[in-house]
């Protein structure tokens, strides 16, 4: 037991292992589809919040969903760490809660837009290849 204590005391690289929570520590890697588990409505809410922070009521109008459904989706996104909330006080008694995206959400949105663009480019190239084949 004393040896283990001395090893930890003089070994400065001994730190708690949080890799099971935060991954391997490689933050520059692009997310894969296994890391990202978002449905269409979650993506729409993230796109609505991409430009500026908005209240829940404003998100409901942009996404065109019921307020109760949007509040559940926002709760899920907050649990995933993709949305942060802040309370703004306007008057003494009146305050509103605004939501905004985090950097992780912006990375995921960028990844989805790139994948969507790749799929569209591949489809156009496929159509052009078929057209040139048939027009020979």
N, C-alpha and C. Protein backbone atom coordinates (compact mmCIF):
# COMPACT_ATOMS: atom_id res chain seq x y z
N UNK A 1 0.83 -1.19 0.00
CA UNK A 1 0.00 0.00 0.00
C UNK A 1 0.87 1.25 0.00
N UNK A 2 1.97 1.22 0.73
CA UNK A 2 2.87 2.36 0.77
C UNK A 2 3.53 2.57 -0.59
N UNK A 3 3.84 1.46 -1.28
CA UNK A 3 4.45 1.58 -2.60
C UNK A 3 3.50 2.25 -3.59
N UNK A 4 2.23 1.89 -3.55
CA UNK A 4 1.27 2.50 -4.44
C UNK A 4 1.14 3.99 -4.16
N UNK A 5 1.17 4.37 -2.88
CA UNK A 5 1.11 5.78 -2.53
C UNK A 5 2.33 6.51 -3.05
N UNK A 6 3.51 5.94 -2.88
CA UNK A 6 4.73 6.59 -3.37
C UNK A 6 4.73 6.69 -4.89
N UNK A 7 4.24 5.68 -5.57
CA UNK A 7 4.16 5.75 -7.03
C UNK A 7 3.25 6.88 -7.48
N UNK A 8 2.12 7.05 -6.82
CA UNK A 8 1.21 8.15 -7.18
C UNK A 8 1.80 9.49 -6.78
N UNK A 9 2.51 9.53 -5.66
CA UNK A 9 3.05 10.79 -5.17
C UNK A 9 4.12 11.33 -6.11
N UNK A 10 4.98 10.46 -6.62
CA UNK A 10 6.08 10.92 -7.45
C UNK A 10 5.82 10.76 -8.95
N UNK A 11 4.70 10.18 -9.31
CA UNK A 11 4.36 10.05 -10.71
C UNK A 11 3.37 11.17 -11.04
N UNK A 12 3.84 12.21 -11.72
CA UNK A 12 3.01 13.39 -11.98
C UNK A 12 2.00 13.16 -13.10
N UNK A 13 2.19 12.09 -13.85
CA UNK A 13 1.24 11.84 -14.94
C UNK A 13 0.02 11.08 -14.46
N UNK A 14 -0.04 10.73 -13.17
CA UNK A 14 -1.19 10.00 -12.65
C UNK A 14 -2.34 10.99 -12.45
N UNK A 15 -3.36 10.82 -13.24
CA UNK A 15 -4.56 11.64 -13.11
C UNK A 15 -5.76 10.72 -13.19
N UNK A 16 -6.92 11.15 -12.71
CA UNK A 16 -8.11 10.32 -12.84
C UNK A 16 -8.46 10.11 -14.31
N UNK A 17 -9.00 8.97 -14.62
CA UNK A 17 -9.32 8.61 -15.99
C UNK A 17 -10.78 8.93 -16.28
N UNK A 18 -10.99 9.98 -17.09
CA UNK A 18 -12.34 10.38 -17.47
C UNK A 18 -12.63 10.06 -18.93
N UNK A 19 -11.83 9.18 -19.54
CA UNK A 19 -12.03 8.88 -20.96
C UNK A 19 -13.36 8.21 -21.24
N UNK A 20 -13.90 7.50 -20.28
CA UNK A 20 -15.20 6.86 -20.51
C UNK A 20 -16.32 7.89 -20.59
N UNK A 21 -16.09 9.09 -20.04
CA UNK A 21 -17.10 10.14 -20.11
C UNK A 21 -16.85 11.07 -21.29
N UNK A 22 -15.61 11.52 -21.45
CA UNK A 22 -15.29 12.55 -22.43
C UNK A 22 -14.62 12.02 -23.68
N UNK A 23 -14.48 10.75 -23.85
CA UNK A 23 -13.81 10.21 -25.02
C UNK A 23 -12.32 10.12 -24.78
N UNK A 24 -11.56 9.96 -25.83
CA UNK A 24 -10.11 9.80 -25.72
C UNK A 24 -9.38 11.12 -25.56
N UNK A 25 -10.07 12.21 -25.55
CA UNK A 25 -9.42 13.50 -25.41
C UNK A 25 -9.06 14.12 -26.74
N UNK A 26 -9.36 13.46 -27.84
CA UNK A 26 -9.08 14.01 -29.15
C UNK A 26 -10.26 14.87 -29.56
N UNK A 27 -10.15 16.18 -29.37
CA UNK A 27 -11.27 17.07 -29.66
C UNK A 27 -11.31 17.51 -31.10
N UNK A 28 -10.26 17.26 -31.86
CA UNK A 28 -10.22 17.69 -33.25
C UNK A 28 -10.85 16.68 -34.21
N UNK A 29 -11.22 15.53 -33.72
CA UNK A 29 -11.78 14.51 -34.61
C UNK A 29 -13.20 14.91 -34.99
N UNK A 30 -13.57 14.57 -36.21
CA UNK A 30 -14.92 14.88 -36.67
C UNK A 30 -15.88 13.84 -36.11
N UNK A 31 -17.08 14.26 -35.75
CA UNK A 31 -18.03 13.32 -35.19
C UNK A 31 -18.53 12.35 -36.25
N UNK A 32 -18.81 11.15 -35.86
CA UNK A 32 -19.36 10.16 -36.77
C UNK A 32 -20.85 10.02 -36.51
N UNK A 33 -21.51 9.26 -37.36
CA UNK A 33 -22.95 9.09 -37.19
C UNK A 33 -23.27 8.32 -35.92
N UNK A 34 -22.33 7.54 -35.40
CA UNK A 34 -22.57 6.84 -34.14
C UNK A 34 -22.55 7.81 -32.97
N UNK A 35 -21.75 8.88 -33.06
CA UNK A 35 -21.68 9.86 -31.99
C UNK A 35 -22.90 10.78 -31.98
N UNK A 36 -23.48 11.01 -33.14
CA UNK A 36 -24.57 11.95 -33.28
C UNK A 36 -25.87 11.18 -33.42
N UNK A 37 -26.78 11.43 -32.52
CA UNK A 37 -28.06 10.75 -32.55
C UNK A 37 -29.17 11.79 -32.52
N UNK A 38 -29.38 12.51 -33.61
CA UNK A 38 -30.38 13.57 -33.65
C UNK A 38 -31.45 13.24 -34.68
N UNK A 39 -32.68 13.55 -34.34
CA UNK A 39 -33.75 13.36 -35.30
C UNK A 39 -33.99 14.67 -36.05
N UNK A 40 -34.97 14.66 -36.94
CA UNK A 40 -35.21 15.81 -37.80
C UNK A 40 -35.63 17.05 -37.01
N UNK A 41 -36.46 16.87 -36.00
CA UNK A 41 -36.96 18.02 -35.24
C UNK A 41 -35.86 18.64 -34.38
N UNK A 42 -34.98 17.81 -33.83
CA UNK A 42 -33.85 18.35 -33.07
C UNK A 42 -32.94 19.16 -33.98
N UNK A 43 -32.73 18.68 -35.19
CA UNK A 43 -31.92 19.44 -36.14
C UNK A 43 -32.58 20.76 -36.51
N UNK A 44 -33.89 20.74 -36.69
CA UNK A 44 -34.60 21.99 -37.03
C UNK A 44 -34.47 23.02 -35.90
N UNK A 45 -34.56 22.56 -34.68
CA UNK A 45 -34.43 23.48 -33.55
C UNK A 45 -33.01 24.02 -33.48
N UNK A 46 -32.01 23.18 -33.72
CA UNK A 46 -30.63 23.65 -33.71
C UNK A 46 -30.38 24.66 -34.83
N UNK A 47 -30.97 24.43 -35.99
CA UNK A 47 -30.82 25.37 -37.10
C UNK A 47 -31.50 26.70 -36.76
N UNK A 48 -32.66 26.64 -36.09
CA UNK A 48 -33.35 27.86 -35.69
C UNK A 48 -32.54 28.66 -34.68
N UNK A 49 -31.80 27.97 -33.82
CA UNK A 49 -31.00 28.65 -32.80
C UNK A 49 -29.60 29.01 -33.26
N UNK A 50 -29.23 28.64 -34.47
CA UNK A 50 -27.86 28.83 -34.93
C UNK A 50 -27.47 30.30 -35.01
N UNK A 51 -28.36 31.15 -35.50
CA UNK A 51 -28.00 32.55 -35.72
C UNK A 51 -28.02 33.40 -34.46
N UNK A 52 -29.01 33.17 -33.58
CA UNK A 52 -29.11 33.97 -32.36
C UNK A 52 -29.89 33.21 -31.31
N UNK A 53 -29.78 33.68 -30.08
CA UNK A 53 -30.53 33.04 -28.99
C UNK A 53 -31.99 33.48 -29.06
N UNK A 54 -32.88 32.56 -28.75
CA UNK A 54 -34.31 32.81 -28.88
C UNK A 54 -35.06 32.23 -27.70
N UNK A 55 -36.25 32.74 -27.49
CA UNK A 55 -37.12 32.20 -26.45
C UNK A 55 -37.82 30.96 -26.99
N UNK A 56 -38.43 30.23 -26.08
CA UNK A 56 -39.13 29.01 -26.47
C UNK A 56 -40.32 29.32 -27.37
N UNK A 57 -40.97 30.42 -27.12
CA UNK A 57 -42.13 30.82 -27.93
C UNK A 57 -41.71 31.13 -29.36
N UNK A 58 -40.57 31.81 -29.52
CA UNK A 58 -40.07 32.15 -30.85
C UNK A 58 -39.62 30.89 -31.61
N UNK A 59 -39.05 29.94 -30.90
CA UNK A 59 -38.65 28.67 -31.52
C UNK A 59 -39.88 27.92 -32.01
N UNK A 60 -40.96 27.94 -31.22
CA UNK A 60 -42.20 27.28 -31.63
C UNK A 60 -42.75 27.87 -32.93
N UNK A 61 -42.67 29.18 -33.06
CA UNK A 61 -43.16 29.82 -34.28
C UNK A 61 -42.29 29.48 -35.48
N UNK A 62 -40.98 29.42 -35.30
CA UNK A 62 -40.09 29.13 -36.43
C UNK A 62 -40.18 27.67 -36.86
N UNK A 63 -40.28 26.77 -35.90
CA UNK A 63 -40.28 25.34 -36.21
C UNK A 63 -41.69 24.86 -36.54
N UNK A 64 -42.70 25.62 -36.12
CA UNK A 64 -44.11 25.30 -36.33
C UNK A 64 -44.50 23.99 -35.63
N UNK A 65 -44.21 23.94 -34.35
CA UNK A 65 -44.59 22.82 -33.50
C UNK A 65 -45.29 23.34 -32.26
N UNK A 66 -45.97 22.44 -31.57
CA UNK A 66 -46.64 22.76 -30.32
C UNK A 66 -45.60 23.09 -29.24
N UNK A 67 -45.96 23.96 -28.31
CA UNK A 67 -45.03 24.41 -27.27
C UNK A 67 -44.60 23.27 -26.36
N UNK A 68 -45.51 22.36 -26.05
CA UNK A 68 -45.14 21.26 -25.16
C UNK A 68 -44.13 20.32 -25.82
N UNK A 69 -44.29 20.09 -27.11
CA UNK A 69 -43.36 19.22 -27.83
C UNK A 69 -41.99 19.89 -27.93
N UNK A 70 -41.99 21.18 -28.22
CA UNK A 70 -40.72 21.90 -28.34
C UNK A 70 -40.00 21.93 -27.00
N UNK A 71 -40.73 22.09 -25.91
CA UNK A 71 -40.08 22.11 -24.60
C UNK A 71 -39.43 20.77 -24.28
N UNK A 72 -40.08 19.66 -24.67
CA UNK A 72 -39.48 18.34 -24.46
C UNK A 72 -38.21 18.17 -25.29
N UNK A 73 -38.25 18.61 -26.55
CA UNK A 73 -37.09 18.48 -27.42
C UNK A 73 -35.94 19.35 -26.91
N UNK A 74 -36.27 20.54 -26.42
CA UNK A 74 -35.24 21.43 -25.86
C UNK A 74 -34.62 20.79 -24.62
N UNK A 75 -35.43 20.16 -23.80
CA UNK A 75 -34.90 19.47 -22.62
C UNK A 75 -33.94 18.37 -23.01
N UNK A 76 -34.28 17.61 -24.04
CA UNK A 76 -33.39 16.55 -24.52
C UNK A 76 -32.09 17.13 -25.04
N UNK A 77 -32.18 18.23 -25.77
CA UNK A 77 -30.97 18.87 -26.32
C UNK A 77 -30.09 19.47 -25.21
N UNK A 78 -30.71 19.96 -24.15
CA UNK A 78 -29.94 20.47 -23.02
C UNK A 78 -29.22 19.32 -22.33
N UNK A 79 -29.91 18.18 -22.19
CA UNK A 79 -29.27 17.01 -21.58
C UNK A 79 -28.11 16.50 -22.41
N UNK A 80 -28.21 16.62 -23.74
CA UNK A 80 -27.12 16.20 -24.61
C UNK A 80 -25.98 17.22 -24.63
N UNK A 81 -26.22 18.42 -24.10
CA UNK A 81 -25.20 19.44 -24.06
C UNK A 81 -25.10 20.26 -25.33
N UNK A 82 -26.14 20.29 -26.12
CA UNK A 82 -26.12 21.02 -27.39
C UNK A 82 -26.77 22.39 -27.30
N UNK A 83 -27.52 22.64 -26.24
CA UNK A 83 -28.18 23.93 -26.04
C UNK A 83 -27.90 24.39 -24.62
N UNK A 84 -27.67 25.69 -24.48
CA UNK A 84 -27.54 26.27 -23.16
C UNK A 84 -28.67 27.29 -22.96
N UNK A 85 -29.07 27.47 -21.73
CA UNK A 85 -30.16 28.41 -21.44
C UNK A 85 -29.66 29.53 -20.55
N UNK A 86 -30.26 30.69 -20.72
CA UNK A 86 -29.94 31.86 -19.90
C UNK A 86 -31.23 32.61 -19.62
N UNK A 87 -31.32 33.17 -18.44
CA UNK A 87 -32.51 33.92 -18.06
C UNK A 87 -32.20 35.41 -18.13
N UNK A 88 -33.00 36.12 -18.93
CA UNK A 88 -32.84 37.56 -19.06
C UNK A 88 -33.95 38.26 -18.29
N UNK A 89 -33.58 39.23 -17.52
CA UNK A 89 -34.56 39.98 -16.74
C UNK A 89 -34.88 41.27 -17.47
N UNK A 90 -36.15 41.47 -17.80
CA UNK A 90 -36.55 42.68 -18.51
C UNK A 90 -37.07 43.74 -17.54
N UNK A 91 -37.99 43.36 -16.70
CA UNK A 91 -38.49 44.24 -15.66
C UNK A 91 -38.23 43.59 -14.32
N UNK A 92 -38.70 44.22 -13.27
CA UNK A 92 -38.45 43.68 -11.95
C UNK A 92 -39.09 42.31 -11.76
N UNK A 93 -40.32 42.15 -12.25
CA UNK A 93 -41.03 40.89 -12.08
C UNK A 93 -40.99 40.02 -13.33
N UNK A 94 -40.68 40.58 -14.47
CA UNK A 94 -40.74 39.84 -15.73
C UNK A 94 -39.34 39.40 -16.18
N UNK A 95 -39.22 38.14 -16.49
CA UNK A 95 -37.97 37.63 -17.05
C UNK A 95 -38.31 36.56 -18.08
N UNK A 96 -37.40 36.35 -19.02
CA UNK A 96 -37.62 35.33 -20.04
C UNK A 96 -36.37 34.47 -20.17
N UNK A 97 -36.60 33.23 -20.52
CA UNK A 97 -35.50 32.28 -20.67
C UNK A 97 -35.16 32.15 -22.15
N UNK A 98 -33.91 32.41 -22.50
CA UNK A 98 -33.48 32.28 -23.88
C UNK A 98 -32.55 31.09 -24.02
N UNK A 99 -32.56 30.51 -25.20
CA UNK A 99 -31.76 29.33 -25.49
C UNK A 99 -30.80 29.66 -26.63
N UNK A 100 -29.61 29.09 -26.56
CA UNK A 100 -28.63 29.26 -27.63
C UNK A 100 -27.84 27.98 -27.80
N UNK A 101 -27.20 27.83 -28.95
CA UNK A 101 -26.45 26.61 -29.25
C UNK A 101 -25.06 26.69 -28.64
N UNK A 102 -24.48 25.53 -28.41
CA UNK A 102 -23.10 25.45 -27.93
C UNK A 102 -22.18 25.17 -29.12
N UNK A 103 -20.90 25.16 -28.87
CA UNK A 103 -19.93 24.89 -29.93
C UNK A 103 -20.07 23.47 -30.48
N UNK A 104 -20.41 22.53 -29.61
CA UNK A 104 -20.61 21.16 -30.07
C UNK A 104 -21.77 21.08 -31.06
N UNK A 105 -22.83 21.83 -30.79
CA UNK A 105 -23.97 21.84 -31.71
C UNK A 105 -23.59 22.44 -33.05
N UNK A 106 -22.77 23.48 -33.03
CA UNK A 106 -22.33 24.08 -34.29
C UNK A 106 -21.46 23.12 -35.10
N UNK A 107 -20.62 22.36 -34.40
CA UNK A 107 -19.81 21.34 -35.09
C UNK A 107 -20.70 20.29 -35.73
N UNK A 108 -21.72 19.86 -35.00
CA UNK A 108 -22.62 18.84 -35.52
C UNK A 108 -23.41 19.36 -36.71
N UNK A 109 -23.89 20.61 -36.63
CA UNK A 109 -24.62 21.20 -37.75
C UNK A 109 -23.73 21.31 -38.99
N UNK A 110 -22.48 21.71 -38.79
CA UNK A 110 -21.54 21.79 -39.91
C UNK A 110 -21.30 20.42 -40.52
N UNK A 111 -21.18 19.41 -39.67
CA UNK A 111 -20.99 18.04 -40.15
C UNK A 111 -22.19 17.59 -40.98
N UNK A 112 -23.41 17.86 -40.49
CA UNK A 112 -24.60 17.46 -41.21
C UNK A 112 -24.73 18.18 -42.55
N UNK A 113 -24.41 19.47 -42.59
CA UNK A 113 -24.51 20.20 -43.85
C UNK A 113 -23.48 19.69 -44.86
N UNK A 114 -22.28 19.34 -44.39
CA UNK A 114 -21.28 18.79 -45.31
C UNK A 114 -21.71 17.43 -45.84
N UNK A 115 -22.26 16.58 -44.97
CA UNK A 115 -22.72 15.28 -45.42
C UNK A 115 -23.87 15.40 -46.40
N UNK A 116 -24.77 16.34 -46.16
CA UNK A 116 -25.90 16.56 -47.06
C UNK A 116 -25.40 17.04 -48.42
N UNK A 117 -24.42 17.93 -48.40
CA UNK A 117 -23.87 18.45 -49.65
C UNK A 117 -23.15 17.34 -50.42
N UNK A 118 -22.43 16.48 -49.73
CA UNK A 118 -21.75 15.35 -50.39
C UNK A 118 -22.76 14.42 -51.04
N UNK A 119 -23.86 14.15 -50.36
CA UNK A 119 -24.87 13.26 -50.92
C UNK A 119 -25.51 13.88 -52.16
N UNK A 120 -25.78 15.20 -52.12
CA UNK A 120 -26.36 15.87 -53.28
C UNK A 120 -25.38 15.89 -54.44
N UNK A 121 -24.10 16.16 -54.18
CA UNK A 121 -23.10 16.17 -55.24
C UNK A 121 -22.97 14.79 -55.86
N UNK A 122 -23.01 13.77 -55.05
CA UNK A 122 -22.93 12.42 -55.56
C UNK A 122 -24.12 12.07 -56.43
N UNK A 123 -25.30 12.56 -56.08
CA UNK A 123 -26.50 12.30 -56.86
C UNK A 123 -26.42 12.99 -58.21
N UNK A 124 -25.96 14.23 -58.23
CA UNK A 124 -25.84 14.97 -59.48
C UNK A 124 -24.82 14.30 -60.40
N UNK A 125 -23.69 13.90 -59.84
CA UNK A 125 -22.68 13.21 -60.65
C UNK A 125 -23.22 11.90 -61.20
N UNK A 126 -24.00 11.20 -60.41
CA UNK A 126 -24.59 9.94 -60.85
C UNK A 126 -25.57 10.17 -62.00
N UNK A 127 -26.38 11.21 -61.89
CA UNK A 127 -27.34 11.53 -62.95
C UNK A 127 -26.60 11.94 -64.23
N UNK A 128 -25.56 12.74 -64.10
CA UNK A 128 -24.79 13.15 -65.28
C UNK A 128 -24.09 11.96 -65.93
N UNK A 129 -23.60 11.04 -65.14
CA UNK A 129 -22.94 9.86 -65.69
C UNK A 129 -23.94 9.00 -66.46
N UNK A 130 -25.15 8.84 -65.93
CA UNK A 130 -26.17 8.08 -66.64
C UNK A 130 -26.58 8.78 -67.93
N UNK A 131 -26.69 10.11 -67.88
CA UNK A 131 -27.10 10.86 -69.08
C UNK A 131 -26.03 10.74 -70.16
N UNK A 132 -24.77 10.85 -69.81
CA UNK A 132 -23.72 10.72 -70.82
C UNK A 132 -23.65 9.30 -71.37
N UNK A 133 -23.95 8.33 -70.55
CA UNK A 133 -23.95 6.94 -71.00
C UNK A 133 -25.07 6.69 -72.02
N UNK A 134 -26.25 7.22 -71.74
CA UNK A 134 -27.37 6.99 -72.63
C UNK A 134 -27.31 7.84 -73.89
N UNK A 135 -26.62 8.98 -73.84
CA UNK A 135 -26.55 9.86 -75.01
C UNK A 135 -25.41 9.48 -75.98
N UNK A 136 -24.62 8.48 -75.67
CA UNK A 136 -23.54 8.06 -76.58
C UNK A 136 -24.06 7.51 -77.83
